[in-house]
N, C-alpha and C. Protein backbone atom coordinates (compact mmCIF):
# COMPACT_ATOMS: atom_id res chain seq x y z
N MET A 1 -4.38 20.69 0.20
CA MET A 1 -4.29 22.13 0.06
C MET A 1 -5.67 22.73 -0.21
N GLY A 2 -6.71 21.93 -0.11
CA GLY A 2 -8.06 22.44 -0.27
C GLY A 2 -8.48 22.66 -1.71
N GLN A 3 -7.72 22.14 -2.67
CA GLN A 3 -8.07 22.33 -4.07
C GLN A 3 -8.75 21.07 -4.60
N GLN A 4 -9.55 21.26 -5.64
CA GLN A 4 -10.18 20.11 -6.29
C GLN A 4 -9.13 19.40 -7.14
N PRO A 5 -8.97 18.08 -6.93
CA PRO A 5 -8.00 17.37 -7.77
C PRO A 5 -8.50 17.28 -9.21
N TYR A 6 -7.59 17.36 -10.14
CA TYR A 6 -7.91 17.24 -11.57
C TYR A 6 -8.94 18.27 -12.01
N ALA A 7 -8.86 19.47 -11.52
CA ALA A 7 -9.86 20.51 -11.83
C ALA A 7 -9.96 20.81 -13.32
N ASN A 8 -8.88 20.61 -14.06
CA ASN A 8 -8.90 20.95 -15.48
C ASN A 8 -9.20 19.74 -16.39
N ILE A 9 -9.57 18.60 -15.80
CA ILE A 9 -9.92 17.42 -16.57
C ILE A 9 -11.44 17.27 -16.59
N ASP A 10 -11.99 17.13 -17.78
CA ASP A 10 -13.43 16.94 -17.94
C ASP A 10 -13.85 15.62 -17.28
N ALA A 11 -14.96 15.63 -16.58
CA ALA A 11 -15.43 14.45 -15.86
C ALA A 11 -15.62 13.25 -16.80
N PHE A 12 -16.00 13.50 -18.04
CA PHE A 12 -16.21 12.42 -19.00
C PHE A 12 -14.89 11.83 -19.50
N GLU A 13 -13.79 12.53 -19.29
CA GLU A 13 -12.47 12.06 -19.71
C GLU A 13 -11.66 11.47 -18.56
N MET A 14 -12.20 11.55 -17.34
CA MET A 14 -11.44 11.15 -16.15
C MET A 14 -11.01 9.69 -16.19
N LEU A 15 -11.89 8.77 -16.51
CA LEU A 15 -11.54 7.36 -16.52
C LEU A 15 -10.41 7.08 -17.49
N ASN A 16 -10.50 7.62 -18.68
CA ASN A 16 -9.46 7.45 -19.68
C ASN A 16 -8.14 8.06 -19.21
N PHE A 17 -8.22 9.21 -18.58
CA PHE A 17 -7.05 9.91 -18.04
C PHE A 17 -6.33 9.02 -17.02
N LEU A 18 -7.11 8.44 -16.09
CA LEU A 18 -6.52 7.59 -15.05
C LEU A 18 -6.02 6.26 -15.62
N LYS A 19 -6.74 5.69 -16.58
CA LYS A 19 -6.30 4.43 -17.18
C LYS A 19 -4.96 4.58 -17.90
N HIS A 20 -4.66 5.77 -18.35
CA HIS A 20 -3.38 6.03 -19.00
C HIS A 20 -2.27 6.36 -18.00
N GLY A 21 -2.55 6.17 -16.72
CA GLY A 21 -1.53 6.29 -15.69
C GLY A 21 -1.31 7.68 -15.11
N HIS A 22 -2.12 8.63 -15.50
CA HIS A 22 -1.96 9.99 -14.97
C HIS A 22 -2.45 10.04 -13.53
N ARG A 23 -1.69 10.67 -12.69
CA ARG A 23 -2.05 10.81 -11.28
C ARG A 23 -1.65 12.21 -10.81
N ILE A 24 -2.13 12.55 -9.64
CA ILE A 24 -1.80 13.84 -9.03
C ILE A 24 -0.30 13.86 -8.72
N ALA A 25 0.32 15.00 -8.95
CA ALA A 25 1.74 15.15 -8.64
C ALA A 25 1.93 15.22 -7.13
N GLN A 26 3.11 14.87 -6.70
CA GLN A 26 3.43 14.91 -5.27
C GLN A 26 3.44 16.35 -4.78
N PRO A 27 2.64 16.66 -3.75
CA PRO A 27 2.68 18.02 -3.19
C PRO A 27 4.06 18.32 -2.61
N PHE A 28 4.44 19.57 -2.62
CA PHE A 28 5.79 19.95 -2.17
C PHE A 28 6.04 19.60 -0.71
N ASN A 29 5.00 19.54 0.11
CA ASN A 29 5.19 19.28 1.53
C ASN A 29 4.86 17.85 1.94
N CYS A 30 4.74 16.95 0.96
CA CYS A 30 4.44 15.55 1.23
C CYS A 30 5.73 14.74 1.18
N PRO A 31 6.08 14.07 2.27
CA PRO A 31 7.31 13.27 2.28
C PRO A 31 7.27 12.16 1.22
N ASP A 32 8.43 11.84 0.68
CA ASP A 32 8.53 10.83 -0.38
C ASP A 32 7.93 9.49 0.03
N ASP A 33 8.24 9.04 1.24
CA ASP A 33 7.73 7.74 1.70
C ASP A 33 6.21 7.71 1.75
N LEU A 34 5.61 8.77 2.22
CA LEU A 34 4.15 8.83 2.30
C LEU A 34 3.54 8.87 0.90
N PHE A 35 4.12 9.64 0.01
CA PHE A 35 3.58 9.73 -1.34
C PHE A 35 3.73 8.40 -2.08
N THR A 36 4.82 7.69 -1.86
CA THR A 36 5.01 6.38 -2.47
C THR A 36 3.92 5.42 -2.03
N MET A 37 3.59 5.45 -0.75
CA MET A 37 2.53 4.59 -0.24
C MET A 37 1.18 4.96 -0.88
N LEU A 38 0.91 6.26 -0.96
CA LEU A 38 -0.34 6.71 -1.57
C LEU A 38 -0.42 6.27 -3.03
N ALA A 39 0.68 6.40 -3.75
CA ALA A 39 0.71 6.03 -5.16
C ALA A 39 0.41 4.54 -5.34
N CYS A 40 0.85 3.72 -4.42
CA CYS A 40 0.54 2.29 -4.49
C CYS A 40 -0.97 2.05 -4.37
N CYS A 41 -1.64 2.87 -3.63
CA CYS A 41 -3.09 2.74 -3.43
C CYS A 41 -3.87 3.07 -4.70
N TRP A 42 -3.24 3.74 -5.65
CA TRP A 42 -3.91 4.17 -6.87
C TRP A 42 -3.74 3.19 -8.01
N ALA A 43 -3.15 2.03 -7.76
CA ALA A 43 -2.98 1.03 -8.81
C ALA A 43 -4.35 0.65 -9.37
N LEU A 44 -4.42 0.45 -10.68
CA LEU A 44 -5.70 0.10 -11.31
C LEU A 44 -6.20 -1.26 -10.85
N SER A 45 -5.31 -2.22 -10.70
CA SER A 45 -5.68 -3.56 -10.27
C SER A 45 -5.66 -3.64 -8.75
N GLU A 46 -6.74 -4.14 -8.18
CA GLU A 46 -6.77 -4.22 -6.71
C GLU A 46 -5.73 -5.18 -6.16
N ASP A 47 -5.30 -6.14 -6.97
CA ASP A 47 -4.25 -7.07 -6.54
C ASP A 47 -2.91 -6.37 -6.35
N GLU A 48 -2.73 -5.23 -7.00
CA GLU A 48 -1.48 -4.48 -6.89
C GLU A 48 -1.51 -3.46 -5.76
N ARG A 49 -2.68 -3.24 -5.18
CA ARG A 49 -2.80 -2.28 -4.08
C ARG A 49 -2.46 -2.93 -2.75
N PRO A 50 -1.93 -2.17 -1.81
CA PRO A 50 -1.62 -2.73 -0.49
C PRO A 50 -2.90 -3.07 0.28
N SER A 51 -2.79 -4.06 1.13
CA SER A 51 -3.93 -4.43 1.99
C SER A 51 -4.05 -3.40 3.12
N PHE A 52 -5.16 -3.45 3.82
CA PHE A 52 -5.34 -2.54 4.94
C PHE A 52 -4.26 -2.76 5.99
N GLY A 53 -3.93 -4.03 6.24
CA GLY A 53 -2.88 -4.34 7.20
C GLY A 53 -1.53 -3.77 6.79
N GLN A 54 -1.23 -3.85 5.50
CA GLN A 54 0.02 -3.29 5.00
C GLN A 54 0.05 -1.77 5.14
N LEU A 55 -1.10 -1.15 4.91
CA LEU A 55 -1.18 0.31 5.07
C LEU A 55 -0.96 0.71 6.52
N ILE A 56 -1.59 -0.02 7.44
CA ILE A 56 -1.43 0.28 8.87
C ILE A 56 0.03 0.14 9.26
N ALA A 57 0.68 -0.93 8.82
CA ALA A 57 2.09 -1.15 9.16
C ALA A 57 2.96 -0.03 8.60
N CYS A 58 2.70 0.36 7.37
CA CYS A 58 3.48 1.43 6.73
C CYS A 58 3.27 2.76 7.46
N LEU A 59 2.02 3.07 7.77
CA LEU A 59 1.74 4.33 8.47
C LEU A 59 2.30 4.34 9.88
N THR A 60 2.28 3.19 10.53
CA THR A 60 2.86 3.10 11.87
C THR A 60 4.37 3.34 11.82
N ASP A 61 5.03 2.72 10.83
CA ASP A 61 6.47 2.94 10.66
C ASP A 61 6.76 4.40 10.33
N PHE A 62 5.92 4.98 9.48
CA PHE A 62 6.09 6.37 9.09
C PHE A 62 5.94 7.30 10.31
N GLN A 63 4.94 7.02 11.14
CA GLN A 63 4.73 7.83 12.35
C GLN A 63 5.91 7.68 13.31
N SER A 64 6.41 6.48 13.45
CA SER A 64 7.56 6.26 14.33
C SER A 64 8.78 7.03 13.84
N ALA A 65 8.99 7.01 12.53
CA ALA A 65 10.13 7.75 11.97
C ALA A 65 9.97 9.25 12.19
N LEU A 66 8.73 9.76 12.05
CA LEU A 66 8.49 11.18 12.26
C LEU A 66 8.71 11.57 13.72
N SER A 67 8.35 10.68 14.64
CA SER A 67 8.47 11.02 16.05
C SER A 67 9.93 11.23 16.46
N ASN A 68 10.86 10.71 15.66
CA ASN A 68 12.28 10.95 15.94
C ASN A 68 12.67 12.40 15.69
N PHE A 69 11.87 13.09 14.88
CA PHE A 69 12.19 14.49 14.52
C PHE A 69 11.32 15.50 15.25
N ILE A 70 10.26 15.02 15.89
CA ILE A 70 9.32 15.94 16.54
C ILE A 70 9.55 15.96 18.04
């Protein structure tokens, strides 16, 4: 939406804010499946994040599902 994320969080507090699990809320026009995938990418541990291959597969499935409606 062209806005700065976390605009009201001080830059010096950002790491602590994120370590406590705070994340951007789901935008009203973002499908649940897409936001779930994005949220997985924000895991603190890289072992918990999806691989590039997993992201491609998920996005491909998501695009295929969307093409049924477009």
